[in-house]
Structure formats: C-alpha cells, structure tokens
Amino acid sequence: MKKLVRLRRDRMVAGVLSGLAAYMNIDATVVRLLFVALLLITGVMPFAVLYALAVFIIPNEENVL
C-alpha cells in the first residue's frame, strides 16, 4: 500500500511536491511546474497556505517507513 510522505530524496524545499509526485507515479518536475502555475494564477496565497499546511500534515518518510 502506498503512503503519501514527504521525501528526503529529490527534495527542493520540504519534499511535499516530490512526495506527491511519487504517490501519483509522475515526474516531480511536472508537479512542481503545475504548482508554480497554480500559485501564480491564484494570487500566491491559497496555494502557499496549502503547501505550508501540507508540510505539517504529511509526515517525513523516515517517520513512516
């Protein structure tokens, strides 16, 4: 069973987007580009807040595995 975790490898900031990409089996670059596009389109705040919440909600991989 796959679990959503923040990855230590392929991490840019906190590993949220790379963990999400690994969970969905897609390239992390695609997820990052989509996130940046949505961040700019929505006026930064909504997705910045969601990212900050995800940092605290999604566990690190060493805490789960």
N, C-alpha and C. Protein backbone atom coordinates (compact mmCIF):
# COMPACT_ATOMS: atom_id res chain seq x y z
N MET A 1 0.84 -1.18 0.00
CA MET A 1 0.00 0.00 0.00
C MET A 1 0.89 1.25 0.00
N LYS A 2 0.59 2.16 -0.90
CA LYS A 2 1.37 3.39 -0.99
C LYS A 2 0.89 4.38 0.06
N LYS A 3 1.84 5.14 0.60
CA LYS A 3 1.51 6.18 1.57
C LYS A 3 2.06 7.50 1.08
N LEU A 4 1.35 8.56 1.35
CA LEU A 4 1.80 9.90 1.00
C LEU A 4 2.74 10.39 2.09
N VAL A 5 4.00 10.59 1.72
CA VAL A 5 5.02 11.07 2.66
C VAL A 5 5.84 12.16 1.99
N ARG A 6 6.50 12.96 2.81
CA ARG A 6 7.43 13.96 2.28
C ARG A 6 8.78 13.27 2.11
N LEU A 7 9.27 13.26 0.89
CA LEU A 7 10.51 12.54 0.59
C LEU A 7 11.75 13.34 0.96
N ARG A 8 12.79 12.64 1.41
CA ARG A 8 14.08 13.28 1.70
C ARG A 8 14.89 13.41 0.42
N ARG A 9 14.77 12.41 -0.46
CA ARG A 9 15.48 12.50 -1.74
C ARG A 9 14.63 13.32 -2.70
N ASP A 10 15.25 13.94 -3.63
CA ASP A 10 14.56 14.76 -4.64
C ASP A 10 13.77 15.91 -4.00
N ARG A 11 14.26 16.39 -2.89
CA ARG A 11 13.60 17.45 -2.13
C ARG A 11 14.13 18.81 -2.58
N MET A 12 13.23 19.77 -2.77
CA MET A 12 13.64 21.14 -3.07
C MET A 12 13.46 22.02 -1.84
N VAL A 13 12.27 22.02 -1.27
CA VAL A 13 12.01 22.82 -0.08
C VAL A 13 11.72 21.89 1.10
N ALA A 14 10.55 21.29 1.10
CA ALA A 14 10.19 20.42 2.22
C ALA A 14 9.85 19.00 1.78
N GLY A 15 9.86 18.74 0.48
CA GLY A 15 9.59 17.40 -0.01
C GLY A 15 8.13 17.09 -0.25
N VAL A 16 7.27 18.08 -0.10
CA VAL A 16 5.83 17.84 -0.28
C VAL A 16 5.52 17.50 -1.73
N LEU A 17 6.03 18.27 -2.67
CA LEU A 17 5.70 18.05 -4.07
C LEU A 17 6.36 16.79 -4.63
N SER A 18 7.57 16.49 -4.20
CA SER A 18 8.20 15.26 -4.66
C SER A 18 7.50 14.04 -4.08
N GLY A 19 7.02 14.15 -2.86
CA GLY A 19 6.25 13.06 -2.26
C GLY A 19 4.92 12.86 -2.96
N LEU A 20 4.28 13.95 -3.33
CA LEU A 20 3.03 13.88 -4.07
C LEU A 20 3.24 13.27 -5.45
N ALA A 21 4.34 13.64 -6.09
CA ALA A 21 4.66 13.07 -7.41
C ALA A 21 4.93 11.58 -7.31
N ALA A 22 5.67 11.16 -6.30
CA ALA A 22 5.94 9.73 -6.11
C ALA A 22 4.66 8.96 -5.82
N TYR A 23 3.76 9.56 -5.07
CA TYR A 23 2.49 8.92 -4.75
C TYR A 23 1.63 8.71 -6.00
N MET A 24 1.69 9.70 -6.92
CA MET A 24 0.89 9.63 -8.14
C MET A 24 1.65 9.00 -9.31
N ASN A 25 2.89 8.58 -9.09
CA ASN A 25 3.73 7.95 -10.12
C ASN A 25 3.93 8.85 -11.35
N ILE A 26 4.23 10.13 -11.11
CA ILE A 26 4.57 11.04 -12.19
C ILE A 26 5.86 11.77 -11.83
N ASP A 27 6.43 12.44 -12.80
CA ASP A 27 7.69 13.14 -12.59
C ASP A 27 7.48 14.33 -11.66
N ALA A 28 8.40 14.52 -10.73
CA ALA A 28 8.31 15.62 -9.76
C ALA A 28 8.37 16.98 -10.44
N THR A 29 9.07 17.08 -11.55
CA THR A 29 9.15 18.35 -12.26
C THR A 29 7.79 18.79 -12.77
N VAL A 30 6.98 17.86 -13.23
CA VAL A 30 5.63 18.17 -13.70
C VAL A 30 4.79 18.72 -12.55
N VAL A 31 4.86 18.09 -11.41
CA VAL A 31 4.10 18.54 -10.24
C VAL A 31 4.57 19.93 -9.80
N ARG A 32 5.87 20.15 -9.81
CA ARG A 32 6.40 21.45 -9.42
C ARG A 32 5.97 22.56 -10.38
N LEU A 33 6.03 22.28 -11.69
CA LEU A 33 5.60 23.28 -12.67
C LEU A 33 4.11 23.58 -12.55
N LEU A 34 3.31 22.56 -12.34
CA LEU A 34 1.88 22.75 -12.15
C LEU A 34 1.61 23.56 -10.88
N PHE A 35 2.34 23.27 -9.82
CA PHE A 35 2.17 24.00 -8.57
C PHE A 35 2.52 25.48 -8.75
N VAL A 36 3.63 25.76 -9.42
CA VAL A 36 4.03 27.15 -9.64
C VAL A 36 3.01 27.88 -10.51
N ALA A 37 2.51 27.21 -11.54
CA ALA A 37 1.49 27.83 -12.40
C ALA A 37 0.23 28.15 -11.59
N LEU A 38 -0.23 27.20 -10.80
CA LEU A 38 -1.42 27.44 -9.97
C LEU A 38 -1.16 28.49 -8.91
N LEU A 39 0.05 28.51 -8.39
CA LEU A 39 0.44 29.51 -7.40
C LEU A 39 0.32 30.91 -7.98
N LEU A 40 0.81 31.10 -9.19
CA LEU A 40 0.76 32.41 -9.83
C LEU A 40 -0.64 32.79 -10.29
N ILE A 41 -1.39 31.82 -10.80
CA ILE A 41 -2.73 32.08 -11.30
C ILE A 41 -3.68 32.49 -10.17
N THR A 42 -3.56 31.85 -9.02
CA THR A 42 -4.49 32.11 -7.92
C THR A 42 -4.06 33.27 -7.02
N GLY A 43 -2.95 33.88 -7.31
CA GLY A 43 -2.52 35.03 -6.50
C GLY A 43 -1.70 34.63 -5.29
N VAL A 44 -0.98 33.57 -5.35
CA VAL A 44 0.00 33.07 -4.39
C VAL A 44 -0.60 32.55 -3.08
N MET A 45 -1.43 33.28 -2.43
CA MET A 45 -1.85 32.92 -1.08
C MET A 45 -2.53 31.56 -0.92
N PRO A 46 -3.53 31.21 -1.72
CA PRO A 46 -4.20 29.93 -1.46
C PRO A 46 -3.26 28.73 -1.51
N PHE A 47 -2.42 28.66 -2.53
CA PHE A 47 -1.53 27.50 -2.64
C PHE A 47 -0.34 27.59 -1.70
N ALA A 48 0.07 28.80 -1.35
CA ALA A 48 1.14 28.93 -0.36
C ALA A 48 0.66 28.43 1.00
N VAL A 49 -0.57 28.73 1.34
CA VAL A 49 -1.14 28.25 2.61
C VAL A 49 -1.32 26.74 2.57
N LEU A 50 -1.79 26.20 1.45
CA LEU A 50 -1.95 24.75 1.33
C LEU A 50 -0.61 24.04 1.45
N TYR A 51 0.44 24.59 0.85
CA TYR A 51 1.77 24.00 0.94
C TYR A 51 2.26 24.01 2.39
N ALA A 52 2.07 25.14 3.07
CA ALA A 52 2.50 25.26 4.46
C ALA A 52 1.76 24.25 5.34
N LEU A 53 0.47 24.08 5.11
CA LEU A 53 -0.30 23.09 5.87
C LEU A 53 0.18 21.67 5.57
N ALA A 54 0.49 21.40 4.31
CA ALA A 54 0.96 20.07 3.93
C ALA A 54 2.29 19.73 4.59
N VAL A 55 3.13 20.73 4.81
CA VAL A 55 4.42 20.49 5.48
C VAL A 55 4.18 19.94 6.88
N PHE A 56 3.16 20.42 7.55
CA PHE A 56 2.88 19.97 8.91
C PHE A 56 2.02 18.71 8.97
N ILE A 57 1.19 18.49 7.95
CA ILE A 57 0.27 17.35 7.97
C ILE A 57 0.91 16.08 7.43
N ILE A 58 1.65 16.18 6.32
CA ILE A 58 2.24 15.00 5.68
C ILE A 58 3.53 14.64 6.41
N PRO A 59 3.66 13.41 6.89
CA PRO A 59 4.85 13.02 7.64
C PRO A 59 6.07 12.81 6.75
N ASN A 60 7.26 12.95 7.33
CA ASN A 60 8.50 12.62 6.64
C ASN A 60 8.57 11.12 6.42
N GLU A 61 9.30 10.70 5.41
CA GLU A 61 9.35 9.27 5.10
C GLU A 61 10.01 8.45 6.19
N GLU A 62 10.99 8.99 6.92
CA GLU A 62 11.63 8.20 7.95
C GLU A 62 10.73 7.99 9.18
N ASN A 63 9.72 8.85 9.33
CA ASN A 63 8.79 8.68 10.44
C ASN A 63 7.73 7.61 10.15
N VAL A 64 7.56 7.25 8.88
CA VAL A 64 6.53 6.30 8.49
C VAL A 64 7.12 4.95 8.17
N LEU A 65 8.24 4.92 7.47
CA LEU A 65 8.80 3.66 6.98
C LEU A 65 9.52 2.90 8.03
